[in-house]
Amino acid sequence: MSIEHRPPHAPALEGEHARELLRQMLLIRRFEERTEALYAEGKIRGFLHLYIGEEAVAVGAMQSLTAEDAIVATYREHGHALARGGRRPAR
């Protein structure tokens, strides 16, 4: 669907905002890929539930919240924490 034909209720994505959303999705993907590698190396113990493929869900959901809104995590919430502005992983 082109941006000219979007439903009237759909918000427009302007250039810088769209790039920021993409940056957040890529941050989540890279975090998950690195986490998977560390798990495979035995550096992370226990269970690992990856969020790969769900990045847009977290980024989109966090866009609708205000700073005062609370979220509750269960598992596979790495993406939500990063999209909400959680601490970025060290390089």
PDB file of N, CA and C in Angstrom:
ATOM      1  N   MET A   1       0.853  -1.165   0.000  1.00  0.00           N
ATOM      2  CA  MET A   1       0.000   0.000   0.000  1.00  0.00           C
ATOM      3  C   MET A   1       0.898   1.227   0.000  1.00  0.00           C
ATOM      4  N   SER A   2       0.710   2.088  -0.948  1.00  0.00           N
ATOM      5  CA  SER A   2       1.523   3.302  -1.000  1.00  0.00           C
ATOM      6  C   SER A   2       1.060   4.275   0.066  1.00  0.00           C
ATOM      7  N   ILE A   3       1.935   5.200   0.424  1.00  0.00           N
ATOM      8  CA  ILE A   3       1.597   6.174   1.464  1.00  0.00           C
ATOM      9  C   ILE A   3       0.435   7.063   1.013  1.00  0.00           C
ATOM     10  N   GLU A   4       0.267   7.241  -0.307  1.00  0.00           N
ATOM     11  CA  GLU A   4      -0.834   8.062  -0.809  1.00  0.00           C
ATOM     12  C   GLU A   4      -2.175   7.365  -0.617  1.00  0.00           C
ATOM     13  N   HIS A   5      -2.177   6.047  -0.477  1.00  0.00           N
ATOM     14  CA  HIS A   5      -3.408   5.279  -0.359  1.00  0.00           C
ATOM     15  C   HIS A   5      -3.594   4.664   1.023  1.00  0.00           C
ATOM     16  N   ARG A   6      -2.954   5.211   2.029  1.00  0.00           N
ATOM     17  CA  ARG A   6      -3.096   4.641   3.367  1.00  0.00           C
ATOM     18  C   ARG A   6      -4.483   4.973   3.920  1.00  0.00           C
ATOM     19  N   PRO A   7      -5.009   4.149   4.811  1.00  0.00           N
ATOM     20  CA  PRO A   7      -6.300   4.440   5.421  1.00  0.00           C
ATOM     21  C   PRO A   7      -6.237   5.772   6.170  1.00  0.00           C
ATOM     22  N   PRO A   8      -7.348   6.475   6.295  1.00  0.00           N
ATOM     23  CA  PRO A   8      -7.336   7.794   6.937  1.00  0.00           C
ATOM     24  C   PRO A   8      -6.893   7.766   8.396  1.00  0.00           C
ATOM     25  N   HIS A   9      -7.055   6.654   9.070  1.00  0.00           N
ATOM     26  CA  HIS A   9      -6.659   6.561  10.485  1.00  0.00           C
ATOM     27  C   HIS A   9      -5.173   6.241  10.658  1.00  0.00           C
ATOM     28  N   ALA A  10      -4.491   5.864   9.584  1.00  0.00           N
ATOM     29  CA  ALA A  10      -3.080   5.500   9.685  1.00  0.00           C
ATOM     30  C   ALA A  10      -2.218   6.761   9.753  1.00  0.00           C
ATOM     31  N   PRO A  11      -1.330   6.844  10.743  1.00  0.00           N
ATOM     32  CA  PRO A  11      -0.474   8.029  10.847  1.00  0.00           C
ATOM     33  C   PRO A  11       0.561   8.058   9.728  1.00  0.00           C
ATOM     34  N   ALA A  12       0.897   9.230   9.309  1.00  0.00           N
ATOM     35  CA  ALA A  12       1.935   9.390   8.296  1.00  0.00           C
ATOM     36  C   ALA A  12       3.301   9.209   8.942  1.00  0.00           C
ATOM     37  N   LEU A  13       4.192   8.575   8.240  1.00  0.00           N
ATOM     38  CA  LEU A  13       5.566   8.429   8.712  1.00  0.00           C
ATOM     39  C   LEU A  13       6.436   9.388   7.925  1.00  0.00           C
ATOM     40  N   GLU A  14       6.943  10.375   8.600  1.00  0.00           N
ATOM     41  CA  GLU A  14       7.837  11.329   7.962  1.00  0.00           C
ATOM     42  C   GLU A  14       9.252  10.768   7.985  1.00  0.00           C
ATOM     43  N   GLY A  15      10.109  11.304   7.166  1.00  0.00           N
ATOM     44  CA  GLY A  15      11.453  10.791   6.975  1.00  0.00           C
ATOM     45  C   GLY A  15      12.237  10.480   8.231  1.00  0.00           C
ATOM     46  N   GLU A  16      12.456  11.462   9.075  1.00  0.00           N
ATOM     47  CA  GLU A  16      13.286  11.250  10.267  1.00  0.00           C
ATOM     48  C   GLU A  16      12.622  10.282  11.248  1.00  0.00           C
ATOM     49  N   HIS A  17      11.323  10.376  11.410  1.00  0.00           N
ATOM     50  CA  HIS A  17      10.608   9.463  12.314  1.00  0.00           C
ATOM     51  C   HIS A  17      10.706   8.026  11.794  1.00  0.00           C
ATOM     52  N   ALA A  18      10.515   7.844  10.495  1.00  0.00           N
ATOM     53  CA  ALA A  18      10.619   6.508   9.905  1.00  0.00           C
ATOM     54  C   ALA A  18      12.028   5.948  10.076  1.00  0.00           C
ATOM     55  N   ARG A  19      13.042   6.785   9.897  1.00  0.00           N
ATOM     56  CA  ARG A  19      14.432   6.327  10.090  1.00  0.00           C
ATOM     57  C   ARG A  19      14.683   5.941  11.543  1.00  0.00           C
ATOM     58  N   GLU A  20      14.109   6.666  12.483  1.00  0.00           N
ATOM     59  CA  GLU A  20      14.277   6.337  13.904  1.00  0.00           C
ATOM     60  C   GLU A  20      13.611   4.998  14.223  1.00  0.00           C
ATOM     61  N   LEU A  21      12.450   4.749  13.677  1.00  0.00           N
ATOM     62  CA  LEU A  21      11.785   3.461  13.901  1.00  0.00           C
ATOM     63  C   LEU A  21      12.614   2.321  13.324  1.00  0.00           C
ATOM     64  N   LEU A  22      13.157   2.524  12.135  1.00  0.00           N
ATOM     65  CA  LEU A  22      14.021   1.511  11.522  1.00  0.00           C
ATOM     66  C   LEU A  22      15.274   1.304  12.361  1.00  0.00           C
ATOM     67  N   ARG A  23      15.865   2.389  12.857  1.00  0.00           N
ATOM     68  CA  ARG A  23      17.055   2.274  13.697  1.00  0.00           C
ATOM     69  C   ARG A  23      16.751   1.436  14.939  1.00  0.00           C
ATOM     70  N   GLN A  24      15.594   1.655  15.548  1.00  0.00           N
ATOM     71  CA  GLN A  24      15.204   0.872  16.724  1.00  0.00           C
ATOM     72  C   GLN A  24      15.029  -0.600  16.376  1.00  0.00           C
ATOM     73  N   MET A  25      14.401  -0.876  15.234  1.00  0.00           N
ATOM     74  CA  MET A  25      14.214  -2.274  14.832  1.00  0.00           C
ATOM     75  C   MET A  25      15.558  -2.952  14.566  1.00  0.00           C
ATOM     76  N   LEU A  26      16.475  -2.228  13.940  1.00  0.00           N
ATOM     77  CA  LEU A  26      17.803  -2.796  13.674  1.00  0.00           C
ATOM     78  C   LEU A  26      18.588  -3.001  14.970  1.00  0.00           C
ATOM     79  N   LEU A  27      18.453  -2.087  15.917  1.00  0.00           N
ATOM     80  CA  LEU A  27      19.102  -2.254  17.217  1.00  0.00           C
ATOM     81  C   LEU A  27      18.621  -3.540  17.889  1.00  0.00           C
ATOM     82  N   ILE A  28      17.321  -3.751  17.871  1.00  0.00           N
ATOM     83  CA  ILE A  28      16.753  -4.962  18.480  1.00  0.00           C
ATOM     84  C   ILE A  28      17.261  -6.198  17.760  1.00  0.00           C
ATOM     85  N   ARG A  29      17.278  -6.173  16.427  1.00  0.00           N
ATOM     86  CA  ARG A  29      17.743  -7.342  15.659  1.00  0.00           C
ATOM     87  C   ARG A  29      19.199  -7.654  15.972  1.00  0.00           C
ATOM     88  N   ARG A  30      20.049  -6.642  15.992  1.00  0.00           N
ATOM     89  CA  ARG A  30      21.471  -6.866  16.272  1.00  0.00           C
ATOM     90  C   ARG A  30      21.663  -7.368  17.705  1.00  0.00           C
ATOM     91  N   PHE A  31      20.897  -6.822  18.641  1.00  0.00           N
ATOM     92  CA  PHE A  31      20.967  -7.296  20.027  1.00  0.00           C
ATOM     93  C   PHE A  31      20.604  -8.780  20.096  1.00  0.00           C
ATOM     94  N   GLU A  32      19.550  -9.167  19.430  1.00  0.00           N
ATOM     95  CA  GLU A  32      19.114 -10.561  19.444  1.00  0.00           C
ATOM     96  C   GLU A  32      20.142 -11.470  18.775  1.00  0.00           C
ATOM     97  N   GLU A  33      20.718 -11.030  17.665  1.00  0.00           N
ATOM     98  CA  GLU A  33      21.738 -11.836  16.991  1.00  0.00           C
ATOM     99  C   GLU A  33      22.959 -12.025  17.879  1.00  0.00           C
ATOM    100  N   ARG A  34      23.366 -10.975  18.560  1.00  0.00           N
ATOM    101  CA  ARG A  34      24.521 -11.070  19.463  1.00  0.00           C
ATOM    102  C   ARG A  34      24.198 -11.966  20.655  1.00  0.00           C
ATOM    103  N   THR A  35      22.992 -11.828  21.173  1.00  0.00           N
ATOM    104  CA  THR A  35      22.562 -12.673  22.291  1.00  0.00           C
ATOM    105  C   THR A  35      22.574 -14.139  21.879  1.00  0.00           C
ATOM    106  N   GLU A  36      22.096 -14.424  20.674  1.00  0.00           N
ATOM    107  CA  GLU A  36      22.093 -15.798  20.169  1.00  0.00           C
ATOM    108  C   GLU A  36      23.515 -16.349  20.070  1.00  0.00           C
ATOM    109  N   ALA A  37      24.446 -15.529  19.595  1.00  0.00           N
ATOM    110  CA  ALA A  37      25.838 -15.961  19.481  1.00  0.00           C
ATOM    111  C   ALA A  37      26.439 -16.244  20.858  1.00  0.00           C
ATOM    112  N   LEU A  38      26.178 -15.364  21.807  1.00  0.00           N
ATOM    113  CA  LEU A  38      26.700 -15.572  23.160  1.00  0.00           C
ATOM    114  C   LEU A  38      26.103 -16.820  23.802  1.00  0.00           C
ATOM    115  N   TYR A  39      24.846 -17.071  23.540  1.00  0.00           N
ATOM    116  CA  TYR A  39      24.193 -18.276  24.063  1.00  0.00           C
ATOM    117  C   TYR A  39      24.843 -19.527  23.469  1.00  0.00           C
ATOM    118  N   ALA A  40      25.093 -19.493  22.156  1.00  0.00           N
ATOM    119  CA  ALA A  40      25.720 -20.631  21.482  1.00  0.00           C
ATOM    120  C   ALA A  40      27.132 -20.887  21.998  1.00  0.00           C
ATOM    121  N   GLU A  41      27.815 -19.826  22.414  1.00  0.00           N
ATOM    122  CA  GLU A  41      29.164 -19.958  22.973  1.00  0.00           C
ATOM    123  C   GLU A  41      29.146 -20.390  24.436  1.00  0.00           C
ATOM    124  N   GLY A  42      27.979 -20.537  25.007  1.00  0.00           N
ATOM    125  CA  GLY A  42      27.864 -20.946  26.405  1.00  0.00           C
ATOM    126  C   GLY A  42      28.078 -19.809  27.388  1.00  0.00           C
ATOM    127  N   LYS A  43      28.058 -18.571  26.915  1.00  0.00           N
ATOM    128  CA  LYS A  43      28.291 -17.427  27.790  1.00  0.00           C
ATOM    129  C   LYS A  43      27.006 -16.932  28.444  1.00  0.00           C
ATOM    130  N   ILE A  44      25.871 -17.411  27.960  1.00  0.00           N
ATOM    131  CA  ILE A  44      24.575 -17.131  28.578  1.00  0.00           C
ATOM    132  C   ILE A  44      23.976 -18.483  28.937  1.00  0.00           C
ATOM    133  N   ARG A  45      23.599 -18.629  30.175  1.00  0.00           N
ATOM    134  CA  ARG A  45      23.070 -19.914  30.642  1.00  0.00           C
ATOM    135  C   ARG A  45      21.557 -19.863  30.718  1.00  0.00           C
ATOM    136  N   GLY A  46      20.962 -21.014  30.856  1.00  0.00           N
ATOM    137  CA  GLY A  46      19.514 -21.096  31.001  1.00  0.00           C
ATOM    138  C   GLY A  46      18.826 -21.163  29.655  1.00  0.00           C
ATOM    139  N   PHE A  47      17.666 -20.563  29.576  1.00  0.00           N
ATOM    140  CA  PHE A  47      16.880 -20.581  28.352  1.00  0.00           C
ATOM    141  C   PHE A  47      17.005 -19.254  27.624  1.00  0.00           C
ATOM    142  N   LEU A  48      16.851 -19.300  26.314  1.00  0.00           N
ATOM    143  CA  LEU A  48      16.902 -18.080  25.505  1.00  0.00           C
ATOM    144  C   LEU A  48      15.725 -18.097  24.541  1.00  0.00           C
ATOM    145  N   HIS A  49      14.853 -17.130  24.665  1.00  0.00           N
ATOM    146  CA  HIS A  49      13.704 -16.979  23.782  1.00  0.00           C
ATOM    147  C   HIS A  49      13.947 -15.741  22.932  1.00  0.00           C
ATOM    148  N   LEU A  50      14.352 -15.963  21.695  1.00  0.00           N
ATOM    149  CA  LEU A  50      14.709 -14.853  20.817  1.00  0.00           C
ATOM    150  C   LEU A  50      13.478 -14.110  20.311  1.00  0.00           C
ATOM    151  N   TYR A  51      13.687 -12.855  19.972  1.00  0.00           N
ATOM    152  CA  TYR A  51      12.640 -11.953  19.500  1.00  0.00           C
ATOM    153  C   TYR A  51      12.827 -11.629  18.018  1.00  0.00           C
ATOM    154  N   ILE A  52      13.700 -12.361  17.355  1.00  0.00           N
ATOM    155  CA  ILE A  52      13.984 -12.117  15.939  1.00  0.00           C
ATOM    156  C   ILE A  52      12.702 -12.314  15.126  1.00  0.00           C
ATOM    157  N   GLY A  53      12.416 -11.318  14.282  1.00  0.00           N
ATOM    158  CA  GLY A  53      11.219 -11.343  13.459  1.00  0.00           C
ATOM    159  C   GLY A  53      10.043 -10.589  14.056  1.00  0.00           C
ATOM    160  N   GLU A  54      10.185 -10.152  15.291  1.00  0.00           N
ATOM    161  CA  GLU A  54       9.103  -9.451  15.982  1.00  0.00           C
ATOM    162  C   GLU A  54       9.452  -7.993  16.285  1.00  0.00           C
ATOM    163  N   GLU A  55      10.546  -7.513  15.734  1.00  0.00           N
ATOM    164  CA  GLU A  55      11.048  -6.179  16.081  1.00  0.00           C
ATOM    165  C   GLU A  55      10.011  -5.078  15.867  1.00  0.00           C
ATOM    166  N   ALA A  56       9.265  -5.154  14.777  1.00  0.00           N
ATOM    167  CA  ALA A  56       8.275  -4.114  14.473  1.00  0.00           C
ATOM    168  C   ALA A  56       7.154  -4.091  15.503  1.00  0.00           C
ATOM    169  N   VAL A  57       6.860  -5.232  16.115  1.00  0.00           N
ATOM    170  CA  VAL A  57       5.813  -5.279  17.137  1.00  0.00           C
ATOM    171  C   VAL A  57       6.205  -4.408  18.324  1.00  0.00           C
ATOM    172  N   ALA A  58       7.409  -4.596  18.817  1.00  0.00           N
ATOM    173  CA  ALA A  58       7.863  -3.820  19.975  1.00  0.00           C
ATOM    174  C   ALA A  58       7.965  -2.338  19.640  1.00  0.00           C
ATOM    175  N   VAL A  59       8.581  -2.035  18.516  1.00  0.00           N
ATOM    176  CA  VAL A  59       8.772  -0.632  18.142  1.00  0.00           C
ATOM    177  C   VAL A  59       7.422   0.049  17.931  1.00  0.00           C
ATOM    178  N   GLY A  60       6.515  -0.610  17.247  1.00  0.00           N
ATOM    179  CA  GLY A  60       5.190  -0.034  17.019  1.00  0.00           C
ATOM    180  C   GLY A  60       4.395   0.129  18.294  1.00  0.00           C
ATOM    181  N   ALA A  61       4.432  -0.862  19.158  1.00  0.00           N
ATOM    182  CA  ALA A  61       3.674  -0.784  20.414  1.00  0.00           C
ATOM    183  C   ALA A  61       4.191   0.330  21.306  1.00  0.00           C
ATOM    184  N   MET A  62       5.499   0.489  21.376  1.00  0.00           N
ATOM    185  CA  MET A  62       6.062   1.523  22.243  1.00  0.00           C
ATOM    186  C   MET A  62       5.744   2.924  21.728  1.00  0.00           C
ATOM    187  N   GLN A  63       5.470   3.060  20.431  1.00  0.00           N
ATOM    188  CA  GLN A  63       5.132   4.362  19.858  1.00  0.00           C
ATOM    189  C   GLN A  63       3.809   4.900  20.394  1.00  0.00           C
ATOM    190  N   SER A  64       2.939   4.002  20.801  1.00  0.00           N
ATOM    191  CA  SER A  64       1.617   4.437  21.249  1.00  0.00           C
ATOM    192  C   SER A  64       1.566   4.756  22.743  1.00  0.00           C
ATOM    193  N   LEU A  65       2.664   4.552  23.457  1.00  0.00           N
ATOM    194  CA  LEU A  65       2.695   4.780  24.902  1.00  0.00           C
ATOM    195  C   LEU A  65       3.271   6.144  25.241  1.00  0.00           C
ATOM    196  N   THR A  66       2.896   6.636  26.391  1.00  0.00           N
ATOM    197  CA  THR A  66       3.485   7.861  26.909  1.00  0.00           C
ATOM    198  C   THR A  66       4.539   7.492  27.941  1.00  0.00           C
ATOM    199  N   ALA A  67       5.298   8.472  28.390  1.00  0.00           N
ATOM    200  CA  ALA A  67       6.341   8.218  29.395  1.00  0.00           C
ATOM    201  C   ALA A  67       5.743   7.726  30.708  1.00  0.00           C
ATOM    202  N   GLU A  68       4.495   8.073  30.967  1.00  0.00           N
ATOM    203  CA  GLU A  68       3.844   7.676  32.221  1.00  0.00           C
ATOM    204  C   GLU A  68       3.249   6.271  32.165  1.00  0.00           C
ATOM    205  N   ASP A  69       3.099   5.705  30.975  1.00  0.00           N
ATOM    206  CA  ASP A  69       2.519   4.370  30.835  1.00  0.00           C
ATOM    207  C   ASP A  69       3.495   3.308  31.312  1.00  0.00           C
ATOM    208  N   ALA A  70       2.964   2.298  31.985  1.00  0.00           N
ATOM    209  CA  ALA A  70       3.778   1.182  32.468  1.00  0.00           C
ATOM    210  C   ALA A  70       3.582  -0.023  31.550  1.00  0.00           C
ATOM    211  N   ILE A  71       4.603  -0.835  31.450  1.00  0.00           N
ATOM    212  CA  ILE A  71       4.487  -2.088  30.716  1.00  0.00           C
ATOM    213  C   ILE A  71       4.929  -3.218  31.642  1.00  0.00           C
ATOM    214  N   VAL A  72       4.399  -4.399  31.403  1.00  0.00           N
ATOM    215  CA  VAL A  72       4.735  -5.574  32.199  1.00  0.00           C
ATOM    216  C   VAL A  72       5.377  -6.589  31.265  1.00  0.00           C
ATOM    217  N   ALA A  73       6.504  -7.108  31.660  1.00  0.00           N
ATOM    218  CA  ALA A  73       7.239  -8.057  30.824  1.00  0.00           C
ATOM    219  C   ALA A  73       7.017  -9.487  31.297  1.00  0.00           C
ATOM    220  N   THR A  74       7.035 -10.391  30.348  1.00  0.00           N
ATOM    221  CA  THR A  74       6.981 -11.819  30.654  1.00  0.00           C
ATOM    222  C   THR A  74       8.287 -12.443  30.175  1.00  0.00           C
ATOM    223  N   TYR A  75       8.350 -12.851  28.950  1.00  0.00           N
ATOM    224  CA  TYR A  75       9.609 -13.258  28.333  1.00  0.00           C
ATOM    225  C   TYR A  75       9.577 -12.812  26.885  1.00  0.00           C
ATOM    226  N   ARG A  76      10.719 -12.876  26.233  1.00  0.00           N
ATOM    227  CA  ARG A  76      10.890 -12.324  24.888  1.00  0.00           C
ATOM    228  C   ARG A  76      10.595 -10.826  24.895  1.00  0.00           C
ATOM    229  N   GLU A  77      11.020 -10.156  25.912  1.00  0.00           N
ATOM    230  CA  GLU A  77      10.732  -8.730  26.036  1.00  0.00           C
ATOM    231  C   GLU A  77      11.954  -7.850  25.822  1.00  0.00           C
ATOM    232  N   HIS A  78      13.046  -8.438  25.342  1.00  0.00           N
ATOM    233  CA  HIS A  78      14.243  -7.632  25.087  1.00  0.00           C
ATOM    234  C   HIS A  78      13.919  -6.479  24.153  1.00  0.00           C
ATOM    235  N   GLY A  79      13.154  -6.775  23.107  1.00  0.00           N
ATOM    236  CA  GLY A  79      12.810  -5.761  22.122  1.00  0.00           C
ATOM    237  C   GLY A  79      12.007  -4.625  22.711  1.00  0.00           C
ATOM    238  N   HIS A  80      11.079  -4.953  23.592  1.00  0.00           N
ATOM    239  CA  HIS A  80      10.262  -3.916  24.219  1.00  0.00           C
ATOM    240  C   HIS A  80      11.124  -2.996  25.088  1.00  0.00           C
ATOM    241  N   ALA A  81      12.030  -3.585  25.826  1.00  0.00           N
ATOM    242  CA  ALA A  81      12.897  -2.777  26.692  1.00  0.00           C
ATOM    243  C   ALA A  81      13.782  -1.846  25.869  1.00  0.00           C
ATOM    244  N   LEU A  82      14.340  -2.345  24.780  1.00  0.00           N
ATOM    245  CA  LEU A  82      15.189  -1.508  23.936  1.00  0.00           C
ATOM    246  C   LEU A  82      14.373  -0.423  23.227  1.00  0.00           C
ATOM    247  N   ALA A  83      13.189  -0.781  22.732  1.00  0.00           N
ATOM    248  CA  ALA A  83      12.346   0.197  22.048  1.00  0.00           C
ATOM    249  C   ALA A  83      11.825   1.263  23.013  1.00  0.00           C
ATOM    250  N   ARG A  84      11.703   0.899  24.273  1.00  0.00           N
ATOM    251  CA  ARG A  84      11.221   1.856  25.275  1.00  0.00           C
ATOM    252  C   ARG A  84      12.344   2.801  25.707  1.00  0.00           C
ATOM    253  N   GLY A  85      13.549   2.504  25.288  1.00  0.00           N
ATOM    254  CA  GLY A  85      14.668   3.372  25.629  1.00  0.00           C
ATOM    255  C   GLY A  85      15.544   2.792  26.718  1.00  0.00           C
ATOM    256  N   GLY A  86      15.447   1.485  26.898  1.00  0.00           N
ATOM    257  CA  GLY A  86      16.278   0.824  27.894  1.00  0.00           C
ATOM    258  C   GLY A  86      17.754   0.993  27.585  1.00  0.00           C
ATOM    259  N   ARG A  87      18.570   0.643  28.503  1.00  0.00           N
ATOM    260  CA  ARG A  87      20.006   0.786  28.352  1.00  0.00           C
ATOM    261  C   ARG A  87      20.511   0.057  27.129  1.00  0.00           C
ATOM    262  N   ARG A  88      21.291   0.711  26.332  1.00  0.00           N
ATOM    263  CA  ARG A  88      21.850   0.129  25.130  1.00  0.00           C
ATOM    264  C   ARG A  88      22.999  -0.807  25.515  1.00  0.00           C
ATOM    265  N   PRO A  89      23.139  -1.943  24.792  1.00  0.00           N
ATOM    266  CA  PRO A  89      24.249  -2.843  25.094  1.00  0.00           C
ATOM    267  C   PRO A  89      25.597  -2.204  24.790  1.00  0.00           C
ATOM    268  N   ALA A  90      26.580  -2.529  25.615  1.00  0.00           N
ATOM    269  CA  ALA A  90      27.941  -2.003  25.405  1.00  0.00           C
ATOM    270  C   ALA A  90      28.541  -2.665  24.175  1.00  0.00           C
ATOM    271  N   ARG A  91      29.403  -1.958  23.506  1.00  0.00           N
ATOM    272  CA  ARG A  91      30.058  -2.522  22.308  1.00  0.00           C
ATOM    273  C   ARG A  91      31.423  -3.043  22.679  1.00  0.00           C
TER     274      ARG A  91
END
